[in-house]
N, C-alpha and C. Protein backbone atom coordinates (compact mmCIF):
# COMPACT_ATOMS: atom_id res chain seq x y z
N MET A 1 -1.31 68.62 -36.15
CA MET A 1 -1.64 68.11 -34.84
C MET A 1 -0.87 68.87 -33.76
N THR A 2 0.40 69.12 -34.04
CA THR A 2 1.19 69.84 -33.04
C THR A 2 0.69 71.27 -32.87
N GLU A 3 0.18 71.85 -33.95
CA GLU A 3 -0.35 73.21 -33.84
C GLU A 3 -1.55 73.23 -32.90
N PHE A 4 -2.40 72.19 -33.00
CA PHE A 4 -3.57 72.09 -32.11
C PHE A 4 -3.11 72.00 -30.66
N TRP A 5 -2.07 71.20 -30.44
CA TRP A 5 -1.59 70.98 -29.07
C TRP A 5 -0.99 72.26 -28.49
N TYR A 6 -0.14 72.89 -29.26
CA TYR A 6 0.54 74.08 -28.74
C TYR A 6 -0.38 75.30 -28.71
N ALA A 7 -1.50 75.22 -29.38
CA ALA A 7 -2.45 76.33 -29.35
C ALA A 7 -3.23 76.35 -28.05
N ARG A 8 -3.15 75.28 -27.29
CA ARG A 8 -3.86 75.17 -26.01
C ARG A 8 -2.98 75.66 -24.87
N SER A 9 -3.65 76.12 -23.84
CA SER A 9 -2.90 76.55 -22.65
C SER A 9 -2.41 75.30 -21.90
N VAL A 10 -1.52 75.50 -20.96
CA VAL A 10 -0.96 74.38 -20.17
C VAL A 10 -2.07 73.69 -19.39
N ARG A 11 -2.99 74.46 -18.88
CA ARG A 11 -4.12 73.88 -18.13
C ARG A 11 -4.96 72.98 -19.03
N GLU A 12 -5.27 73.44 -20.26
CA GLU A 12 -6.05 72.63 -21.20
C GLU A 12 -5.27 71.38 -21.61
N GLN A 13 -3.96 71.50 -21.79
CA GLN A 13 -3.14 70.34 -22.14
C GLN A 13 -3.22 69.28 -21.05
N ARG A 14 -3.16 69.70 -19.80
CA ARG A 14 -3.24 68.76 -18.68
C ARG A 14 -4.61 68.09 -18.62
N ILE A 15 -5.67 68.85 -18.89
CA ILE A 15 -7.01 68.28 -18.90
C ILE A 15 -7.13 67.25 -20.02
N ILE A 16 -6.61 67.56 -21.19
CA ILE A 16 -6.65 66.62 -22.32
C ILE A 16 -5.83 65.37 -21.99
N LEU A 17 -4.65 65.54 -21.37
CA LEU A 17 -3.82 64.38 -20.98
C LEU A 17 -4.53 63.53 -19.94
N ALA A 18 -5.18 64.17 -18.98
CA ALA A 18 -5.91 63.42 -17.96
C ALA A 18 -7.05 62.64 -18.59
N GLY A 19 -7.79 63.26 -19.51
CA GLY A 19 -8.88 62.57 -20.20
C GLY A 19 -8.37 61.40 -21.03
N ALA A 20 -7.26 61.63 -21.74
CA ALA A 20 -6.68 60.55 -22.55
C ALA A 20 -6.18 59.42 -21.66
N GLY A 21 -5.58 59.76 -20.53
CA GLY A 21 -5.12 58.73 -19.59
C GLY A 21 -6.28 57.93 -19.03
N ALA A 22 -7.36 58.63 -18.68
CA ALA A 22 -8.55 57.92 -18.17
C ALA A 22 -9.13 57.02 -19.24
N LEU A 23 -9.16 57.50 -20.49
CA LEU A 23 -9.67 56.69 -21.60
C LEU A 23 -8.79 55.45 -21.81
N LEU A 24 -7.48 55.62 -21.76
CA LEU A 24 -6.56 54.48 -21.91
C LEU A 24 -6.72 53.48 -20.76
N LEU A 25 -6.90 53.99 -19.56
CA LEU A 25 -7.12 53.12 -18.40
C LEU A 25 -8.41 52.33 -18.56
N LEU A 26 -9.47 52.98 -19.01
CA LEU A 26 -10.75 52.31 -19.24
C LEU A 26 -10.61 51.23 -20.31
N ILE A 27 -9.93 51.54 -21.39
CA ILE A 27 -9.71 50.55 -22.46
C ILE A 27 -8.90 49.38 -21.93
N PHE A 28 -7.86 49.66 -21.14
CA PHE A 28 -7.05 48.58 -20.56
C PHE A 28 -7.89 47.68 -19.66
N VAL A 29 -8.72 48.28 -18.82
CA VAL A 29 -9.57 47.49 -17.92
C VAL A 29 -10.54 46.64 -18.73
N LEU A 30 -11.17 47.23 -19.72
CA LEU A 30 -12.17 46.49 -20.50
C LEU A 30 -11.56 45.42 -21.39
N LEU A 31 -10.37 45.65 -21.92
CA LEU A 31 -9.78 44.70 -22.86
C LEU A 31 -8.83 43.70 -22.23
N VAL A 32 -8.29 44.00 -21.05
CA VAL A 32 -7.30 43.11 -20.44
C VAL A 32 -7.78 42.57 -19.09
N VAL A 33 -8.10 43.46 -18.18
CA VAL A 33 -8.41 43.04 -16.82
C VAL A 33 -9.74 42.29 -16.74
N GLN A 34 -10.78 42.82 -17.37
CA GLN A 34 -12.09 42.18 -17.29
C GLN A 34 -12.09 40.76 -17.88
N PRO A 35 -11.46 40.51 -19.04
CA PRO A 35 -11.39 39.13 -19.52
C PRO A 35 -10.63 38.20 -18.57
N LEU A 36 -9.61 38.72 -17.90
CA LEU A 36 -8.89 37.90 -16.93
C LEU A 36 -9.78 37.55 -15.74
N ILE A 37 -10.56 38.50 -15.27
CA ILE A 37 -11.48 38.23 -14.16
C ILE A 37 -12.54 37.22 -14.59
N ASP A 38 -13.08 37.39 -15.80
CA ASP A 38 -14.07 36.43 -16.30
C ASP A 38 -13.46 35.04 -16.45
N TYR A 39 -12.23 34.97 -16.94
CA TYR A 39 -11.55 33.68 -17.09
C TYR A 39 -11.37 33.01 -15.72
N ARG A 40 -11.00 33.79 -14.72
CA ARG A 40 -10.83 33.24 -13.37
C ARG A 40 -12.15 32.71 -12.83
N ARG A 41 -13.22 33.46 -12.99
CA ARG A 41 -14.54 33.00 -12.52
C ARG A 41 -14.96 31.72 -13.24
N THR A 42 -14.73 31.67 -14.54
CA THR A 42 -15.06 30.47 -15.32
C THR A 42 -14.23 29.28 -14.85
N ALA A 43 -12.96 29.51 -14.59
CA ALA A 43 -12.09 28.42 -14.12
C ALA A 43 -12.54 27.91 -12.76
N ILE A 44 -12.93 28.80 -11.88
CA ILE A 44 -13.42 28.39 -10.55
C ILE A 44 -14.71 27.58 -10.70
N ALA A 45 -15.62 28.03 -11.55
CA ALA A 45 -16.88 27.30 -11.77
C ALA A 45 -16.61 25.93 -12.39
N ASP A 46 -15.69 25.87 -13.36
CA ASP A 46 -15.34 24.58 -13.98
C ASP A 46 -14.73 23.63 -12.96
N HIS A 47 -13.87 24.17 -12.11
CA HIS A 47 -13.25 23.34 -11.07
C HIS A 47 -14.30 22.82 -10.10
N GLN A 48 -15.24 23.66 -9.71
CA GLN A 48 -16.29 23.23 -8.79
C GLN A 48 -17.15 22.14 -9.43
N ARG A 49 -17.50 22.31 -10.71
CA ARG A 49 -18.28 21.27 -11.39
C ARG A 49 -17.48 19.97 -11.47
N ALA A 50 -16.19 20.07 -11.73
CA ALA A 50 -15.35 18.87 -11.79
C ALA A 50 -15.28 18.18 -10.43
N MET A 51 -15.19 18.94 -9.36
CA MET A 51 -15.16 18.35 -8.02
C MET A 51 -16.49 17.69 -7.69
N ASP A 52 -17.60 18.32 -8.07
CA ASP A 52 -18.91 17.72 -7.84
C ASP A 52 -19.05 16.41 -8.60
N THR A 53 -18.58 16.40 -9.85
CA THR A 53 -18.63 15.17 -10.65
C THR A 53 -17.74 14.10 -10.03
N TYR A 54 -16.55 14.49 -9.59
CA TYR A 54 -15.64 13.53 -8.96
C TYR A 54 -16.27 12.91 -7.71
N LEU A 55 -16.88 13.74 -6.87
CA LEU A 55 -17.52 13.22 -5.66
C LEU A 55 -18.68 12.30 -5.99
N ALA A 56 -19.47 12.66 -7.00
CA ALA A 56 -20.60 11.81 -7.39
C ALA A 56 -20.11 10.46 -7.91
N VAL A 57 -19.06 10.48 -8.72
CA VAL A 57 -18.51 9.23 -9.26
C VAL A 57 -17.90 8.40 -8.14
N THR A 58 -17.19 9.04 -7.22
CA THR A 58 -16.59 8.31 -6.10
C THR A 58 -17.66 7.65 -5.25
N ARG A 59 -18.73 8.37 -4.97
CA ARG A 59 -19.83 7.78 -4.19
C ARG A 59 -20.48 6.62 -4.94
N ALA A 60 -20.68 6.78 -6.24
CA ALA A 60 -21.31 5.71 -7.02
C ALA A 60 -20.43 4.48 -7.05
N VAL A 61 -19.12 4.67 -7.21
CA VAL A 61 -18.20 3.53 -7.23
C VAL A 61 -18.17 2.85 -5.87
N SER A 62 -18.16 3.63 -4.80
CA SER A 62 -18.12 3.02 -3.47
C SER A 62 -19.40 2.25 -3.19
N ARG A 63 -20.54 2.76 -3.67
CA ARG A 63 -21.78 2.02 -3.49
C ARG A 63 -21.79 0.75 -4.33
N ALA A 64 -21.27 0.84 -5.54
CA ALA A 64 -21.26 -0.33 -6.42
C ALA A 64 -20.30 -1.40 -5.91
N SER A 65 -19.19 -0.99 -5.30
CA SER A 65 -18.22 -1.96 -4.82
C SER A 65 -18.54 -2.45 -3.41
N ALA A 66 -19.54 -1.87 -2.78
CA ALA A 66 -19.89 -2.27 -1.42
C ALA A 66 -20.93 -3.38 -1.45
N GLY A 67 -20.65 -4.40 -2.19
CA GLY A 67 -21.57 -5.54 -2.28
C GLY A 67 -21.54 -6.35 -1.01
N PRO A 68 -22.25 -7.45 -0.99
CA PRO A 68 -22.30 -8.27 0.21
C PRO A 68 -20.91 -8.75 0.63
N VAL A 69 -20.64 -8.64 1.91
CA VAL A 69 -19.37 -9.09 2.48
C VAL A 69 -19.55 -10.54 2.91
N ARG A 70 -18.68 -11.41 2.47
CA ARG A 70 -18.82 -12.82 2.78
C ARG A 70 -17.82 -13.30 3.83
N GLU A 71 -16.61 -12.81 3.77
CA GLU A 71 -15.56 -13.29 4.67
C GLU A 71 -15.75 -12.69 6.06
N PRO A 72 -15.74 -13.51 7.13
CA PRO A 72 -16.00 -13.01 8.48
C PRO A 72 -15.02 -11.93 8.95
N SER A 73 -13.74 -12.04 8.60
CA SER A 73 -12.79 -11.02 9.06
C SER A 73 -13.08 -9.66 8.40
N VAL A 74 -13.47 -9.68 7.13
CA VAL A 74 -13.84 -8.43 6.45
C VAL A 74 -15.14 -7.90 7.03
N LEU A 75 -16.05 -8.81 7.32
CA LEU A 75 -17.32 -8.44 7.94
C LEU A 75 -17.07 -7.76 9.29
N ARG A 76 -16.17 -8.33 10.07
CA ARG A 76 -15.85 -7.77 11.39
C ARG A 76 -15.22 -6.39 11.27
N SER A 77 -14.27 -6.23 10.35
CA SER A 77 -13.62 -4.93 10.21
C SER A 77 -14.60 -3.87 9.71
N THR A 78 -15.52 -4.27 8.84
CA THR A 78 -16.54 -3.32 8.37
C THR A 78 -17.45 -2.89 9.52
N ILE A 79 -17.86 -3.85 10.32
CA ILE A 79 -18.72 -3.54 11.47
C ILE A 79 -17.99 -2.62 12.45
N ASP A 80 -16.72 -2.93 12.75
CA ASP A 80 -15.93 -2.09 13.66
C ASP A 80 -15.78 -0.67 13.12
N ARG A 81 -15.48 -0.55 11.83
CA ARG A 81 -15.27 0.77 11.23
C ARG A 81 -16.54 1.62 11.28
N VAL A 82 -17.67 1.02 10.90
CA VAL A 82 -18.93 1.77 10.91
C VAL A 82 -19.33 2.13 12.34
N ALA A 83 -19.06 1.23 13.30
CA ALA A 83 -19.36 1.53 14.70
C ALA A 83 -18.53 2.72 15.18
N ARG A 84 -17.24 2.75 14.81
CA ARG A 84 -16.39 3.88 15.19
C ARG A 84 -16.91 5.18 14.58
N GLU A 85 -17.34 5.11 13.30
CA GLU A 85 -17.87 6.31 12.65
C GLU A 85 -19.11 6.83 13.37
N ARG A 86 -19.93 5.93 13.89
CA ARG A 86 -21.17 6.31 14.59
C ARG A 86 -20.94 6.52 16.09
N GLN A 87 -19.69 6.39 16.53
CA GLN A 87 -19.30 6.56 17.93
C GLN A 87 -20.04 5.58 18.84
N ILE A 88 -20.10 4.33 18.38
CA ILE A 88 -20.69 3.26 19.16
C ILE A 88 -19.54 2.41 19.69
N VAL A 89 -19.54 2.17 20.99
CA VAL A 89 -18.49 1.37 21.62
C VAL A 89 -18.92 -0.10 21.57
N LEU A 90 -18.10 -0.91 20.89
CA LEU A 90 -18.35 -2.35 20.87
C LEU A 90 -17.54 -2.95 22.00
N THR A 91 -18.22 -3.49 23.00
CA THR A 91 -17.51 -4.04 24.16
C THR A 91 -16.95 -5.42 23.87
N ARG A 92 -17.53 -6.10 22.88
CA ARG A 92 -17.06 -7.45 22.57
C ARG A 92 -17.43 -7.80 21.14
N THR A 93 -16.48 -8.40 20.42
CA THR A 93 -16.76 -8.90 19.07
C THR A 93 -16.16 -10.29 18.95
N ALA A 94 -16.89 -11.17 18.29
CA ALA A 94 -16.40 -12.53 18.08
C ALA A 94 -16.91 -13.03 16.74
N ILE A 95 -16.07 -13.79 16.05
CA ILE A 95 -16.46 -14.37 14.77
C ILE A 95 -17.09 -15.73 15.02
N ASP A 96 -18.26 -15.95 14.44
CA ASP A 96 -18.98 -17.20 14.60
C ASP A 96 -19.34 -17.72 13.21
N GLU A 97 -18.52 -18.62 12.67
CA GLU A 97 -18.66 -19.19 11.32
C GLU A 97 -18.76 -18.08 10.28
N ASP A 98 -19.96 -17.81 9.75
CA ASP A 98 -20.11 -16.79 8.71
C ASP A 98 -20.77 -15.52 9.25
N ALA A 99 -20.73 -15.33 10.55
CA ALA A 99 -21.35 -14.15 11.18
C ALA A 99 -20.41 -13.58 12.23
N VAL A 100 -20.77 -12.42 12.72
CA VAL A 100 -20.01 -11.76 13.78
C VAL A 100 -20.97 -11.44 14.92
N VAL A 101 -20.57 -11.82 16.13
CA VAL A 101 -21.38 -11.54 17.32
C VAL A 101 -20.75 -10.33 18.01
N VAL A 102 -21.54 -9.27 18.20
CA VAL A 102 -21.04 -8.06 18.84
C VAL A 102 -21.91 -7.70 20.03
N SER A 103 -21.28 -7.06 21.01
CA SER A 103 -22.00 -6.53 22.16
C SER A 103 -21.68 -5.05 22.25
N THR A 104 -22.71 -4.26 22.49
CA THR A 104 -22.51 -2.82 22.58
C THR A 104 -22.69 -2.36 24.01
N GLY A 105 -22.05 -1.25 24.33
CA GLY A 105 -22.24 -0.64 25.63
C GLY A 105 -23.54 0.15 25.62
N GLY A 106 -23.69 1.04 26.57
CA GLY A 106 -24.91 1.85 26.64
C GLY A 106 -24.97 2.85 25.50
N VAL A 107 -25.87 2.64 24.56
CA VAL A 107 -26.09 3.57 23.45
C VAL A 107 -27.58 3.89 23.40
N THR A 108 -27.89 5.01 22.80
CA THR A 108 -29.31 5.34 22.65
C THR A 108 -29.92 4.43 21.59
N THR A 109 -31.20 4.24 21.71
CA THR A 109 -31.90 3.37 20.77
C THR A 109 -31.81 3.94 19.35
N ALA A 110 -31.94 5.24 19.22
CA ALA A 110 -31.87 5.87 17.89
C ALA A 110 -30.50 5.67 17.26
N THR A 111 -29.44 5.82 18.04
CA THR A 111 -28.09 5.62 17.52
C THR A 111 -27.89 4.18 17.08
N LEU A 112 -28.36 3.24 17.89
CA LEU A 112 -28.24 1.82 17.54
C LEU A 112 -29.00 1.51 16.26
N MET A 113 -30.20 2.03 16.12
CA MET A 113 -31.00 1.76 14.93
C MET A 113 -30.39 2.41 13.69
N ASN A 114 -29.86 3.62 13.83
CA ASN A 114 -29.19 4.27 12.69
C ASN A 114 -27.98 3.47 12.25
N TRP A 115 -27.22 2.95 13.20
CA TRP A 115 -26.05 2.13 12.89
C TRP A 115 -26.47 0.87 12.14
N LEU A 116 -27.50 0.21 12.63
CA LEU A 116 -27.97 -1.01 11.97
C LEU A 116 -28.54 -0.72 10.58
N ASP A 117 -29.22 0.41 10.43
CA ASP A 117 -29.72 0.80 9.10
C ASP A 117 -28.57 1.06 8.14
N THR A 118 -27.52 1.72 8.62
CA THR A 118 -26.35 1.98 7.78
C THR A 118 -25.70 0.67 7.36
N LEU A 119 -25.54 -0.25 8.30
CA LEU A 119 -24.94 -1.55 7.96
C LEU A 119 -25.78 -2.26 6.91
N ARG A 120 -27.08 -2.23 7.05
CA ARG A 120 -27.97 -2.92 6.12
C ARG A 120 -27.97 -2.25 4.75
N ASP A 121 -28.14 -0.93 4.71
CA ASP A 121 -28.32 -0.22 3.45
C ASP A 121 -27.03 -0.04 2.66
N GLU A 122 -25.95 0.30 3.34
CA GLU A 122 -24.71 0.62 2.64
C GLU A 122 -23.73 -0.54 2.54
N HIS A 123 -23.83 -1.51 3.46
CA HIS A 123 -22.82 -2.57 3.50
C HIS A 123 -23.42 -3.97 3.38
N HIS A 124 -24.73 -4.06 3.26
CA HIS A 124 -25.42 -5.34 3.08
C HIS A 124 -25.14 -6.30 4.24
N ILE A 125 -25.16 -5.76 5.45
CA ILE A 125 -24.97 -6.56 6.66
C ILE A 125 -26.26 -6.46 7.46
N ALA A 126 -26.84 -7.61 7.77
CA ALA A 126 -28.14 -7.62 8.44
C ALA A 126 -28.04 -8.29 9.80
N VAL A 127 -29.01 -8.01 10.65
CA VAL A 127 -29.10 -8.61 11.97
C VAL A 127 -29.75 -9.99 11.83
N ARG A 128 -29.07 -11.00 12.34
CA ARG A 128 -29.63 -12.36 12.33
C ARG A 128 -30.29 -12.68 13.67
N ASP A 129 -29.72 -12.16 14.74
CA ASP A 129 -30.28 -12.39 16.07
C ASP A 129 -29.96 -11.17 16.92
N ALA A 130 -30.90 -10.79 17.78
CA ALA A 130 -30.68 -9.60 18.62
C ALA A 130 -31.25 -9.82 20.01
N GLN A 131 -30.47 -9.39 20.99
CA GLN A 131 -30.92 -9.36 22.38
C GLN A 131 -30.63 -7.95 22.89
N ILE A 132 -31.68 -7.19 23.11
CA ILE A 132 -31.53 -5.79 23.50
C ILE A 132 -32.17 -5.59 24.87
N ARG A 133 -31.40 -4.97 25.76
CA ARG A 133 -31.87 -4.72 27.14
C ARG A 133 -31.57 -3.28 27.53
N PRO A 134 -32.33 -2.75 28.48
CA PRO A 134 -31.99 -1.42 29.00
C PRO A 134 -30.61 -1.46 29.66
N ALA A 135 -29.85 -0.40 29.51
CA ALA A 135 -28.52 -0.34 30.12
C ALA A 135 -28.65 -0.27 31.63
N SER A 136 -27.67 -0.84 32.33
CA SER A 136 -27.72 -0.87 33.79
C SER A 136 -27.61 0.54 34.38
N ALA A 137 -26.91 1.43 33.69
CA ALA A 137 -26.78 2.80 34.18
C ALA A 137 -28.04 3.62 33.92
N GLY A 138 -28.97 3.06 33.16
CA GLY A 138 -30.22 3.75 32.91
C GLY A 138 -30.21 4.66 31.70
N ASN A 139 -29.07 4.77 31.02
CA ASN A 139 -29.03 5.63 29.84
C ASN A 139 -28.84 4.77 28.59
N GLY A 140 -29.88 4.60 27.82
CA GLY A 140 -29.79 3.85 26.59
C GLY A 140 -30.03 2.37 26.76
N VAL A 141 -29.46 1.60 25.83
CA VAL A 141 -29.63 0.15 25.83
C VAL A 141 -28.29 -0.52 25.59
N THR A 142 -28.21 -1.79 25.99
CA THR A 142 -27.09 -2.64 25.61
C THR A 142 -27.64 -3.69 24.67
N ALA A 143 -26.81 -4.14 23.76
CA ALA A 143 -27.30 -5.10 22.78
C ALA A 143 -26.25 -6.17 22.52
N ARG A 144 -26.74 -7.38 22.28
CA ARG A 144 -25.89 -8.48 21.81
C ARG A 144 -26.49 -8.88 20.47
N LEU A 145 -25.73 -8.66 19.40
CA LEU A 145 -26.25 -8.83 18.05
C LEU A 145 -25.41 -9.84 17.28
N THR A 146 -26.08 -10.66 16.50
CA THR A 146 -25.40 -11.53 15.55
C THR A 146 -25.64 -10.92 14.17
N LEU A 147 -24.56 -10.50 13.52
CA LEU A 147 -24.65 -9.81 12.24
C LEU A 147 -24.01 -10.66 11.15
N GLY A 148 -24.65 -10.69 10.00
CA GLY A 148 -24.11 -11.45 8.88
C GLY A 148 -24.45 -10.79 7.56
N ALA A 149 -23.80 -11.26 6.51
CA ALA A 149 -24.04 -10.70 5.18
C ALA A 149 -25.41 -11.10 4.68
N THR A 150 -26.06 -10.18 3.99
CA THR A 150 -27.35 -10.50 3.39
C THR A 150 -27.11 -11.28 2.11
N PRO A 151 -28.02 -12.17 1.77
CA PRO A 151 -27.82 -12.97 0.56
C PRO A 151 -27.91 -12.14 -0.70
């Protein structure tokens, strides 16, 4: 083997060393680096699937635990929280036996209806009585609503 090596000129030796180095680099990339990259991609995909599953389970549990609200104070806090999420200003809230009476400021009709749909569908809170009038400022409506838990 050494005779083969020393029989070559210095230029040929450098070319052979460069080729061997490139071959070793290619083998290193294929046997070490590429599996690490694949492992990282697989780990990211597994993590994303786990997060999707976690979110789906969390939503399912929140829907299952969001049964009918019976206690007026819990009913009131739920109504206040959902109104804040929908950016609806409640000008007045009062507890009336097993219901909550709320008054809203000037809101658009679509916003009011979306809020009421959310209360009904996600929190089992329905409108028992409603008085809706055009807002005095001319933008939207004002409402006085009696809200209670659905049976």
